[in-house]
């Protein structure tokens, strides 16, 4: 019997003015900047892969990355970034030391007047559970990718325009991600 797998190709959207400034960006709908559009163009090599499904967050920085790289994808709000509530738009240095620690720890983090990482993880895993076997390309955000990679046993931070691949077997078990050069292990969010 042949074991079937689902291969997840996870792309973090390209750079925005907020990501370049180090601003925490959840639901604020920031577009790509020129560097982000260049990063998306560098992902056009993905066009040669026969994906079973191509998906994107419905936020403009992800949809724009998908449009440039692959001429579009099916939008799904479950692939949105964490709702950062009151810390949306702040830089890392503008967050309290306690907030920084909670963001790094990830699992028990709840943004003030925002969303918990537990909820983010649940909605991302709910999305993945509905996928058929095969290769699926997801244009999404750093928090979603981190949640999925943590489920696979790795805690990584992926830079804008970066790509990570993870395999999931028919039992729903994830293999450790195959890191691309733009993914950094254990970096601050």
C-alpha atoms as a PDB file:
ATOM      1  CA  UNK A   1       0.000   0.000   0.000  1.00  0.00           C
ATOM      2  CA  UNK A   2       1.376   3.383  -1.018  1.00  0.00           C
ATOM      3  CA  UNK A   3       1.295   6.075   1.653  1.00  0.00           C
ATOM      4  CA  UNK A   4      -0.209   9.282   0.279  1.00  0.00           C
ATOM      5  CA  UNK A   5       0.904  12.643   1.556  1.00  0.00           C
ATOM      6  CA  UNK A   6      -0.091  16.223   1.394  1.00  0.00           C
ATOM      7  CA  UNK A   7       2.786  18.542   0.614  1.00  0.00           C
ATOM      8  CA  UNK A   8       2.344  22.099   1.859  1.00  0.00           C
ATOM      9  CA  UNK A   9       4.296  24.856   0.152  1.00  0.00           C
ATOM     10  CA  UNK A  10       4.016  27.853   2.489  1.00  0.00           C
ATOM     11  CA  UNK A  11       4.910  31.295   1.131  1.00  0.00           C
ATOM     12  CA  UNK A  12       5.039  34.363   3.323  1.00  0.00           C
ATOM     13  CA  UNK A  13       3.783  37.379   1.403  1.00  0.00           C
ATOM     14  CA  UNK A  14       6.327  39.838   0.065  1.00  0.00           C
ATOM     15  CA  UNK A  15       7.652  42.867   1.906  1.00  0.00           C
ATOM     16  CA  UNK A  16       5.488  45.865   2.793  1.00  0.00           C
ATOM     17  CA  UNK A  17       6.404  49.265   4.152  1.00  0.00           C
ATOM     18  CA  UNK A  18       5.266  47.997   7.565  1.00  0.00           C
ATOM     19  CA  UNK A  19       7.410  44.848   7.459  1.00  0.00           C
ATOM     20  CA  UNK A  20      10.411  46.916   6.361  1.00  0.00           C
ATOM     21  CA  UNK A  21       9.812  49.282   9.314  1.00  0.00           C
ATOM     22  CA  UNK A  22       9.470  46.336  11.719  1.00  0.00           C
ATOM     23  CA  UNK A  23       5.806  47.078  12.460  1.00  0.00           C
ATOM     24  CA  UNK A  24       3.537  44.363  13.794  1.00  0.00           C
ATOM     25  CA  UNK A  25       1.062  43.760  10.986  1.00  0.00           C
ATOM     26  CA  UNK A  26      -1.981  41.597  11.489  1.00  0.00           C
ATOM     27  CA  UNK A  27      -5.258  42.643   9.907  1.00  0.00           C
ATOM     28  CA  UNK A  28      -4.206  46.077   8.649  1.00  0.00           C
ATOM     29  CA  UNK A  29      -4.428  45.615   4.900  1.00  0.00           C
ATOM     30  CA  UNK A  30      -1.025  46.883   3.781  1.00  0.00           C
ATOM     31  CA  UNK A  31      -0.017  46.418   0.121  1.00  0.00           C
ATOM     32  CA  UNK A  32       3.336  45.161  -1.109  1.00  0.00           C
ATOM     33  CA  UNK A  33       6.082  47.677  -1.686  1.00  0.00           C
ATOM     34  CA  UNK A  34       8.469  47.458  -4.656  1.00  0.00           C
ATOM     35  CA  UNK A  35      10.784  45.051  -2.813  1.00  0.00           C
ATOM     36  CA  UNK A  36       7.763  42.839  -2.050  1.00  0.00           C
ATOM     37  CA  UNK A  37       6.721  42.836  -5.694  1.00  0.00           C
ATOM     38  CA  UNK A  38      10.298  41.814  -6.638  1.00  0.00           C
ATOM     39  CA  UNK A  39      10.146  38.983  -4.081  1.00  0.00           C
ATOM     40  CA  UNK A  40       6.848  37.824  -5.586  1.00  0.00           C
ATOM     41  CA  UNK A  41       8.349  37.838  -9.093  1.00  0.00           C
ATOM     42  CA  UNK A  42      11.192  35.610  -7.822  1.00  0.00           C
ATOM     43  CA  UNK A  43       8.536  33.045  -6.842  1.00  0.00           C
ATOM     44  CA  UNK A  44       7.413  32.567 -10.448  1.00  0.00           C
ATOM     45  CA  UNK A  45       9.467  29.357 -10.578  1.00  0.00           C
ATOM     46  CA  UNK A  46       6.508  27.834  -8.684  1.00  0.00           C
ATOM     47  CA  UNK A  47       4.495  28.016 -11.927  1.00  0.00           C
ATOM     48  CA  UNK A  48       6.321  24.891 -13.126  1.00  0.00           C
ATOM     49  CA  UNK A  49       4.941  22.775 -10.259  1.00  0.00           C
ATOM     50  CA  UNK A  50       1.585  21.096 -10.748  1.00  0.00           C
ATOM     51  CA  UNK A  51      -0.242  22.107  -7.574  1.00  0.00           C
ATOM     52  CA  UNK A  52      -3.447  20.382  -6.517  1.00  0.00           C
ATOM     53  CA  UNK A  53      -4.603  23.650  -4.953  1.00  0.00           C
ATOM     54  CA  UNK A  54      -3.346  27.222  -4.692  1.00  0.00           C
ATOM     55  CA  UNK A  55      -4.654  29.239  -1.761  1.00  0.00           C
ATOM     56  CA  UNK A  56      -4.133  32.679  -0.289  1.00  0.00           C
ATOM     57  CA  UNK A  57      -5.088  34.770   2.693  1.00  0.00           C
ATOM     58  CA  UNK A  58      -7.661  37.352   1.690  1.00  0.00           C
ATOM     59  CA  UNK A  59      -5.425  40.224   2.862  1.00  0.00           C
ATOM     60  CA  UNK A  60      -3.983  42.303   0.010  1.00  0.00           C
ATOM     61  CA  UNK A  61      -0.291  41.637   0.732  1.00  0.00           C
ATOM     62  CA  UNK A  62      -0.893  37.888   0.301  1.00  0.00           C
ATOM     63  CA  UNK A  63      -3.280  38.134  -2.657  1.00  0.00           C
ATOM     64  CA  UNK A  64      -0.923  40.524  -4.434  1.00  0.00           C
ATOM     65  CA  UNK A  65       1.990  38.110  -3.884  1.00  0.00           C
ATOM     66  CA  UNK A  66      -0.127  35.262  -5.319  1.00  0.00           C
ATOM     67  CA  UNK A  67      -1.255  37.389  -8.277  1.00  0.00           C
ATOM     68  CA  UNK A  68       2.323  38.300  -9.224  1.00  0.00           C
ATOM     69  CA  UNK A  69       3.848  34.875  -8.590  1.00  0.00           C
ATOM     70  CA  UNK A  70       1.129  32.632  -9.993  1.00  0.00           C
ATOM     71  CA  UNK A  71      -1.633  34.771 -11.494  1.00  0.00           C
ATOM     72  CA  UNK A  72      -3.860  34.310  -8.467  1.00  0.00           C
ATOM     73  CA  UNK A  73      -5.165  31.844  -5.909  1.00  0.00           C
ATOM     74  CA  UNK A  74      -8.359  30.988  -4.036  1.00  0.00           C
ATOM     75  CA  UNK A  75      -8.726  33.344  -1.051  1.00  0.00           C
ATOM     76  CA  UNK A  76      -9.607  31.968   2.386  1.00  0.00           C
ATOM     77  CA  UNK A  77      -9.844  34.135   5.539  1.00  0.00           C
ATOM     78  CA  UNK A  78      -8.586  31.241   7.702  1.00  0.00           C
ATOM     79  CA  UNK A  79      -5.129  31.988   6.267  1.00  0.00           C
ATOM     80  CA  UNK A  80      -5.137  35.550   7.665  1.00  0.00           C
ATOM     81  CA  UNK A  81      -2.479  36.756  10.069  1.00  0.00           C
ATOM     82  CA  UNK A  82      -3.149  37.001  13.802  1.00  0.00           C
ATOM     83  CA  UNK A  83      -5.384  39.880  14.893  1.00  0.00           C
ATOM     84  CA  UNK A  84      -2.831  41.824  16.971  1.00  0.00           C
ATOM     85  CA  UNK A  85      -5.456  44.117  18.508  1.00  0.00           C
ATOM     86  CA  UNK A  86      -3.922  47.006  20.455  1.00  0.00           C
ATOM     87  CA  UNK A  87      -0.325  46.238  19.442  1.00  0.00           C
ATOM     88  CA  UNK A  88      -1.134  46.390  15.711  1.00  0.00           C
ATOM     89  CA  UNK A  89       1.270  48.839  14.064  1.00  0.00           C
ATOM     90  CA  UNK A  90       3.762  48.940  16.943  1.00  0.00           C
ATOM     91  CA  UNK A  91       7.410  48.065  16.437  1.00  0.00           C
ATOM     92  CA  UNK A  92       9.121  45.346  18.479  1.00  0.00           C
ATOM     93  CA  UNK A  93      10.855  47.989  20.630  1.00  0.00           C
ATOM     94  CA  UNK A  94       7.523  49.699  21.346  1.00  0.00           C
ATOM     95  CA  UNK A  95       6.178  46.487  22.914  1.00  0.00           C
ATOM     96  CA  UNK A  96       6.739  45.819  26.603  1.00  0.00           C
ATOM     97  CA  UNK A  97       9.307  43.209  27.600  1.00  0.00           C
ATOM     98  CA  UNK A  98       6.422  41.026  28.813  1.00  0.00           C
ATOM     99  CA  UNK A  99       4.658  41.337  25.458  1.00  0.00           C
ATOM    100  CA  UNK A 100       7.886  40.497  23.612  1.00  0.00           C
ATOM    101  CA  UNK A 101       8.353  37.395  25.765  1.00  0.00           C
ATOM    102  CA  UNK A 102       4.789  36.247  25.168  1.00  0.00           C
ATOM    103  CA  UNK A 103       5.164  36.751  21.400  1.00  0.00           C
ATOM    104  CA  UNK A 104       8.375  34.724  21.335  1.00  0.00           C
ATOM    105  CA  UNK A 105       6.824  31.941  23.464  1.00  0.00           C
ATOM    106  CA  UNK A 106       3.876  32.000  20.999  1.00  0.00           C
ATOM    107  CA  UNK A 107       1.615  29.246  22.378  1.00  0.00           C
ATOM    108  CA  UNK A 108      -0.034  31.173  25.210  1.00  0.00           C
ATOM    109  CA  UNK A 109      -0.024  34.595  23.534  1.00  0.00           C
ATOM    110  CA  UNK A 110      -3.236  36.581  23.278  1.00  0.00           C
ATOM    111  CA  UNK A 111      -3.056  40.040  21.757  1.00  0.00           C
ATOM    112  CA  UNK A 112      -4.718  42.690  23.919  1.00  0.00           C
ATOM    113  CA  UNK A 113      -8.194  43.152  22.387  1.00  0.00           C
ATOM    114  CA  UNK A 114      -7.086  40.796  19.631  1.00  0.00           C
ATOM    115  CA  UNK A 115      -6.724  37.108  18.903  1.00  0.00           C
ATOM    116  CA  UNK A 116      -4.930  34.255  20.660  1.00  0.00           C
ATOM    117  CA  UNK A 117      -2.299  32.147  18.942  1.00  0.00           C
ATOM    118  CA  UNK A 118      -4.423  29.152  19.960  1.00  0.00           C
ATOM    119  CA  UNK A 119      -7.279  30.464  17.812  1.00  0.00           C
ATOM    120  CA  UNK A 120      -4.891  31.244  14.936  1.00  0.00           C
ATOM    121  CA  UNK A 121      -3.493  27.697  15.112  1.00  0.00           C
ATOM    122  CA  UNK A 122      -6.972  26.148  15.236  1.00  0.00           C
ATOM    123  CA  UNK A 123      -8.214  28.001  12.163  1.00  0.00           C
ATOM    124  CA  UNK A 124      -5.011  27.188  10.221  1.00  0.00           C
ATOM    125  CA  UNK A 125      -5.258  23.496  11.144  1.00  0.00           C
ATOM    126  CA  UNK A 126      -8.984  23.472  10.298  1.00  0.00           C
ATOM    127  CA  UNK A 127      -8.063  24.779   6.847  1.00  0.00           C
ATOM    128  CA  UNK A 128      -5.357  22.123   6.420  1.00  0.00           C
ATOM    129  CA  UNK A 129      -7.676  19.320   7.552  1.00  0.00           C
ATOM    130  CA  UNK A 130      -9.979  20.076   4.617  1.00  0.00           C
ATOM    131  CA  UNK A 131      -7.225  19.784   1.994  1.00  0.00           C
ATOM    132  CA  UNK A 132      -7.101  16.796  -0.313  1.00  0.00           C
ATOM    133  CA  UNK A 133      -3.923  14.795  -0.809  1.00  0.00           C
ATOM    134  CA  UNK A 134      -1.403  16.372  -3.162  1.00  0.00           C
ATOM    135  CA  UNK A 135       0.695  19.510  -3.359  1.00  0.00           C
ATOM    136  CA  UNK A 136      -0.912  22.687  -2.042  1.00  0.00           C
ATOM    137  CA  UNK A 137       0.595  26.163  -2.272  1.00  0.00           C
ATOM    138  CA  UNK A 138      -0.441  28.666   0.408  1.00  0.00           C
ATOM    139  CA  UNK A 139       0.311  32.401   0.258  1.00  0.00           C
ATOM    140  CA  UNK A 140      -0.073  33.503   3.840  1.00  0.00           C
ATOM    141  CA  UNK A 141       1.599  35.234   6.795  1.00  0.00           C
ATOM    142  CA  UNK A 142       4.405  34.697   9.267  1.00  0.00           C
ATOM    143  CA  UNK A 143       2.126  33.771  12.174  1.00  0.00           C
ATOM    144  CA  UNK A 144       0.225  31.160  10.184  1.00  0.00           C
ATOM    145  CA  UNK A 145       3.449  29.636   8.881  1.00  0.00           C
ATOM    146  CA  UNK A 146       4.955  29.625  12.374  1.00  0.00           C
ATOM    147  CA  UNK A 147       1.859  27.877  13.787  1.00  0.00           C
ATOM    148  CA  UNK A 148       1.978  25.182  11.098  1.00  0.00           C
ATOM    149  CA  UNK A 149       5.746  24.686  11.411  1.00  0.00           C
ATOM    150  CA  UNK A 150       5.475  24.411  15.210  1.00  0.00           C
ATOM    151  CA  UNK A 151       2.940  21.623  14.652  1.00  0.00           C
ATOM    152  CA  UNK A 152       5.642  19.947  12.531  1.00  0.00           C
ATOM    153  CA  UNK A 153       8.201  20.271  15.343  1.00  0.00           C
ATOM    154  CA  UNK A 154      10.127  23.352  14.204  1.00  0.00           C
ATOM    155  CA  UNK A 155       9.852  26.932  15.427  1.00  0.00           C
ATOM    156  CA  UNK A 156      10.890  29.230  12.620  1.00  0.00           C
ATOM    157  CA  UNK A 157      10.472  32.789  11.514  1.00  0.00           C
ATOM    158  CA  UNK A 158      10.206  33.232   7.789  1.00  0.00           C
ATOM    159  CA  UNK A 159      11.152  36.466   6.082  1.00  0.00           C
ATOM    160  CA  UNK A 160       8.842  38.228   3.584  1.00  0.00           C
ATOM    161  CA  UNK A 161       8.863  36.398   0.264  1.00  0.00           C
ATOM    162  CA  UNK A 162      10.229  33.232   1.924  1.00  0.00           C
ATOM    163  CA  UNK A 163       9.139  29.654   1.252  1.00  0.00           C
ATOM    164  CA  UNK A 164       8.918  26.555   3.455  1.00  0.00           C
ATOM    165  CA  UNK A 165       7.750  23.072   2.432  1.00  0.00           C
ATOM    166  CA  UNK A 166       6.169  20.580   4.841  1.00  0.00           C
ATOM    167  CA  UNK A 167       4.857  17.069   4.174  1.00  0.00           C
ATOM    168  CA  UNK A 168       1.831  15.612   6.000  1.00  0.00           C
ATOM    169  CA  UNK A 169       1.078  11.906   5.800  1.00  0.00           C
ATOM    170  CA  UNK A 170      -2.339  10.242   5.594  1.00  0.00           C
ATOM    171  CA  UNK A 171      -2.465   9.973   9.399  1.00  0.00           C
ATOM    172  CA  UNK A 172      -2.204  13.763   9.660  1.00  0.00           C
ATOM    173  CA  UNK A 173       1.369  13.683  10.964  1.00  0.00           C
ATOM    174  CA  UNK A 174       3.723  16.382   9.789  1.00  0.00           C
ATOM    175  CA  UNK A 175       7.358  15.907   8.845  1.00  0.00           C
ATOM    176  CA  UNK A 176       9.811  18.660   9.843  1.00  0.00           C
ATOM    177  CA  UNK A 177       9.766  21.540   7.358  1.00  0.00           C
ATOM    178  CA  UNK A 178      12.274  21.790   4.569  1.00  0.00           C
ATOM    179  CA  UNK A 179      13.700  25.232   5.210  1.00  0.00           C
ATOM    180  CA  UNK A 180      14.550  27.561   2.389  1.00  0.00           C
ATOM    181  CA  UNK A 181      17.366  30.129   2.713  1.00  0.00           C
ATOM    182  CA  UNK A 182      14.989  32.925   3.750  1.00  0.00           C
ATOM    183  CA  UNK A 183      13.632  31.034   6.790  1.00  0.00           C
ATOM    184  CA  UNK A 184      15.393  31.680  10.077  1.00  0.00           C
ATOM    185  CA  UNK A 185      15.113  29.364  13.055  1.00  0.00           C
ATOM    186  CA  UNK A 186      14.189  30.795  16.454  1.00  0.00           C
ATOM    187  CA  UNK A 187      14.244  34.452  15.471  1.00  0.00           C
ATOM    188  CA  UNK A 188      12.027  37.043  17.148  1.00  0.00           C
ATOM    189  CA  UNK A 189       8.661  37.740  15.464  1.00  0.00           C
END
